[in-house]
């Protein structure tokens, strides 16, 4: 009896999984699936991409506080002294990171401002909960897409500031040093 080579067997399994994923995604078909270029990807890589799409489509949209069991509740900022607020802030940041939530661009905020942002905006925000090992939700604490002034003032490089000025036809705000330097958990973008 001739045994199939392991690599050939794996490829058949990958092709079968690919067909299953494409069938599952068929009712949800959009241009994302047509962008998969099978000639440039291995079947295994294509499957990973399709699995991530399927997980995205099936993911529940929940308030971030409900990504935890029990739901993550923190005291209102007005009830805390600065020492307790700082302790709770860093504990909450670690808890968020445990659910793959990364806070980006926080060093322009005081501890109180960051805590308020988490309390008021992040924990109640409805987001898709994706459980993939390498998937992170990056929360832009500078709101660069909505109001670029904070990003330009504190985070943009000189080159980025010049490009912005050319595109917008106006001068960016003066660059400033960051008032806080935090070492928060990071994840790939």
Protein backbone atom coordinates (compact mmCIF):
# COMPACT_ATOMS: atom_id res chain seq x y z
CA UNK A 1 0.00 0.00 0.00
CA UNK A 2 1.36 3.42 -0.96
CA UNK A 3 0.96 6.13 1.67
CA UNK A 4 0.41 9.69 0.44
CA UNK A 5 3.16 12.12 1.19
CA UNK A 6 2.39 14.29 4.23
CA UNK A 7 2.72 17.55 2.28
CA UNK A 8 0.26 16.30 -0.37
CA UNK A 9 -2.16 15.21 2.34
CA UNK A 10 -1.92 18.61 4.04
CA UNK A 11 -2.56 20.39 0.76
CA UNK A 12 -5.71 18.33 0.18
CA UNK A 13 -6.88 19.20 3.70
CA UNK A 14 -6.17 22.87 3.02
CA UNK A 15 -8.13 22.75 -0.23
CA UNK A 16 -11.08 21.05 1.46
CA UNK A 17 -11.03 23.65 4.25
CA UNK A 18 -10.85 26.39 1.63
CA UNK A 19 -13.99 25.09 -0.05
CA UNK A 20 -15.79 24.94 3.31
CA UNK A 21 -14.81 28.51 4.14
CA UNK A 22 -15.86 29.83 0.74
CA UNK A 23 -19.22 28.05 1.10
CA UNK A 24 -19.75 29.57 4.55
CA UNK A 25 -18.84 33.04 3.24
CA UNK A 26 -20.96 32.80 0.08
CA UNK A 27 -24.07 34.42 1.63
CA UNK A 28 -21.86 37.23 2.90
CA UNK A 29 -20.01 37.69 -0.39
CA UNK A 30 -18.55 41.11 -0.98
CA UNK A 31 -15.49 42.55 -2.70
CA UNK A 32 -13.20 41.39 0.13
CA UNK A 33 -13.46 37.78 -0.97
CA UNK A 34 -12.78 38.65 -4.59
CA UNK A 35 -9.58 40.42 -3.48
CA UNK A 36 -8.09 37.11 -2.38
CA UNK A 37 -5.49 36.36 -5.01
CA UNK A 38 -4.99 32.61 -4.80
CA UNK A 39 -2.03 32.85 -7.17
CA UNK A 40 -0.11 35.02 -4.69
CA UNK A 41 -1.12 33.24 -1.48
CA UNK A 42 -0.65 29.74 -0.25
CA UNK A 43 -3.87 27.87 0.38
CA UNK A 44 -3.04 27.88 4.09
CA UNK A 45 -2.63 31.70 4.08
CA UNK A 46 -5.82 32.11 2.09
CA UNK A 47 -7.65 29.92 4.61
CA UNK A 48 -6.35 32.03 7.48
CA UNK A 49 -7.61 35.16 5.73
CA UNK A 50 -11.01 33.59 5.00
CA UNK A 51 -11.29 32.31 8.59
CA UNK A 52 -10.65 35.83 9.87
CA UNK A 53 -13.36 37.18 7.54
CA UNK A 54 -15.83 34.55 8.71
CA UNK A 55 -15.01 35.25 12.35
CA UNK A 56 -15.51 38.98 11.72
CA UNK A 57 -18.91 38.35 10.15
CA UNK A 58 -20.03 36.11 13.02
CA UNK A 59 -18.56 38.14 15.88
CA UNK A 60 -21.02 39.60 18.37
CA UNK A 61 -21.15 43.35 18.81
CA UNK A 62 -20.98 44.00 22.53
CA UNK A 63 -20.08 46.84 24.85
CA UNK A 64 -16.43 46.33 25.72
CA UNK A 65 -17.29 46.03 29.42
CA UNK A 66 -19.25 42.88 28.50
CA UNK A 67 -16.18 41.22 26.98
CA UNK A 68 -15.43 40.29 30.60
CA UNK A 69 -17.16 37.83 32.91
CA UNK A 70 -18.42 39.42 35.06
CA UNK A 71 -18.69 42.66 33.09
CA UNK A 72 -15.85 45.07 33.81
CA UNK A 73 -17.15 47.88 36.00
CA UNK A 74 -14.91 50.59 37.40
CA UNK A 75 -15.82 53.34 39.87
CA UNK A 76 -16.77 56.78 38.58
CA UNK A 77 -13.67 58.99 38.43
CA UNK A 78 -15.15 61.62 40.75
CA UNK A 79 -15.18 59.11 43.62
CA UNK A 80 -11.44 58.39 43.54
CA UNK A 81 -8.39 60.08 44.98
CA UNK A 82 -5.40 60.33 42.64
CA UNK A 83 -3.53 57.34 44.14
CA UNK A 84 -6.52 54.99 43.88
CA UNK A 85 -7.35 56.30 40.39
CA UNK A 86 -3.80 55.57 39.19
CA UNK A 87 -3.90 52.04 40.62
CA UNK A 88 -7.29 51.33 39.04
CA UNK A 89 -6.17 52.91 35.74
CA UNK A 90 -3.22 50.58 35.28
CA UNK A 91 -5.20 47.57 36.50
CA UNK A 92 -7.93 48.38 33.96
CA UNK A 93 -5.39 48.86 31.16
CA UNK A 94 -3.98 45.38 31.91
CA UNK A 95 -7.48 43.90 31.91
CA UNK A 96 -8.24 45.54 28.57
CA UNK A 97 -5.01 44.19 27.14
CA UNK A 98 -5.96 40.70 28.35
CA UNK A 99 -8.89 40.96 25.91
CA UNK A 100 -6.60 42.28 23.15
CA UNK A 101 -7.58 45.93 23.53
CA UNK A 102 -4.61 48.25 23.14
CA UNK A 103 -4.69 51.92 23.99
CA UNK A 104 -2.69 53.98 21.50
CA UNK A 105 -1.61 57.62 21.80
CA UNK A 106 -2.22 58.11 25.53
CA UNK A 107 0.80 60.17 26.56
CA UNK A 108 -0.89 63.54 26.01
CA UNK A 109 -3.51 62.67 28.65
CA UNK A 110 -3.20 62.88 32.41
CA UNK A 111 -4.05 59.75 34.39
CA UNK A 112 -7.40 61.32 35.29
CA UNK A 113 -8.19 62.14 31.64
CA UNK A 114 -7.24 58.63 30.48
CA UNK A 115 -9.30 57.02 33.24
CA UNK A 116 -12.28 59.21 32.26
CA UNK A 117 -11.83 58.19 28.60
CA UNK A 118 -11.89 54.51 29.56
CA UNK A 119 -14.87 54.99 31.87
CA UNK A 120 -16.92 57.21 29.55
CA UNK A 121 -15.95 56.10 26.02
CA UNK A 122 -14.13 52.77 25.90
CA UNK A 123 -15.99 50.47 28.30
CA UNK A 124 -19.48 51.34 26.98
CA UNK A 125 -18.39 51.30 23.30
CA UNK A 126 -20.01 48.58 21.18
CA UNK A 127 -17.34 46.71 19.23
CA UNK A 128 -17.07 43.37 17.46
CA UNK A 129 -15.42 40.88 19.76
CA UNK A 130 -12.91 38.92 17.71
CA UNK A 131 -11.16 36.16 19.62
CA UNK A 132 -8.32 35.41 17.19
CA UNK A 133 -4.96 35.11 18.87
CA UNK A 134 -3.31 37.78 16.70
CA UNK A 135 -6.23 40.22 16.50
CA UNK A 136 -6.10 43.42 18.56
CA UNK A 137 -8.53 46.27 18.88
CA UNK A 138 -6.46 49.47 18.81
CA UNK A 139 -8.19 52.38 20.54
CA UNK A 140 -6.92 55.72 19.22
CA UNK A 141 -6.91 57.89 22.35
CA UNK A 142 -5.83 60.93 20.31
CA UNK A 143 -8.83 60.65 17.95
CA UNK A 144 -6.50 61.30 15.03
CA UNK A 145 -9.13 60.44 12.42
CA UNK A 146 -11.79 62.72 13.91
CA UNK A 147 -9.66 65.64 15.06
CA UNK A 148 -6.03 65.56 13.93
CA UNK A 149 -4.92 68.47 16.12
CA UNK A 150 -3.84 66.31 19.08
CA UNK A 151 -2.02 63.86 16.82
CA UNK A 152 -0.28 66.73 14.98
CA UNK A 153 0.64 68.49 18.22
CA UNK A 154 2.07 65.47 20.05
CA UNK A 155 2.63 62.45 17.82
CA UNK A 156 3.21 63.41 14.18
CA UNK A 157 6.73 63.46 12.82
CA UNK A 158 8.02 66.60 11.16
CA UNK A 159 7.53 64.94 7.77
CA UNK A 160 3.93 64.01 8.61
CA UNK A 161 3.27 67.59 9.78
CA UNK A 162 4.66 68.95 6.49
CA UNK A 163 2.55 66.58 4.40
CA UNK A 164 -0.54 67.53 6.39
CA UNK A 165 0.22 71.24 5.88
CA UNK A 166 0.56 70.75 2.11
CA UNK A 167 -2.64 68.71 1.85
CA UNK A 168 -4.70 71.01 4.08
CA UNK A 169 -3.24 74.32 2.96
CA UNK A 170 -2.72 75.48 6.54
CA UNK A 171 -0.11 75.35 9.26
CA UNK A 172 -0.32 72.55 11.79
CA UNK A 173 -0.46 73.43 15.49
CA UNK A 174 2.88 73.89 17.21
CA UNK A 175 4.55 70.62 18.16
CA UNK A 176 4.70 70.00 21.91
CA UNK A 177 6.43 67.52 24.16
CA UNK A 178 4.30 64.78 25.63
CA UNK A 179 3.38 65.55 29.25
CA UNK A 180 3.22 61.86 30.27
CA UNK A 181 5.37 58.93 29.25
CA UNK A 182 3.59 55.66 29.89
CA UNK A 183 4.86 52.17 29.22
CA UNK A 184 1.58 50.52 28.19
CA UNK A 185 1.20 47.10 26.63
CA UNK A 186 1.68 47.22 22.87
CA UNK A 187 0.53 45.03 20.03
CA UNK A 188 1.14 45.00 16.29
CA UNK A 189 -0.94 47.37 14.18
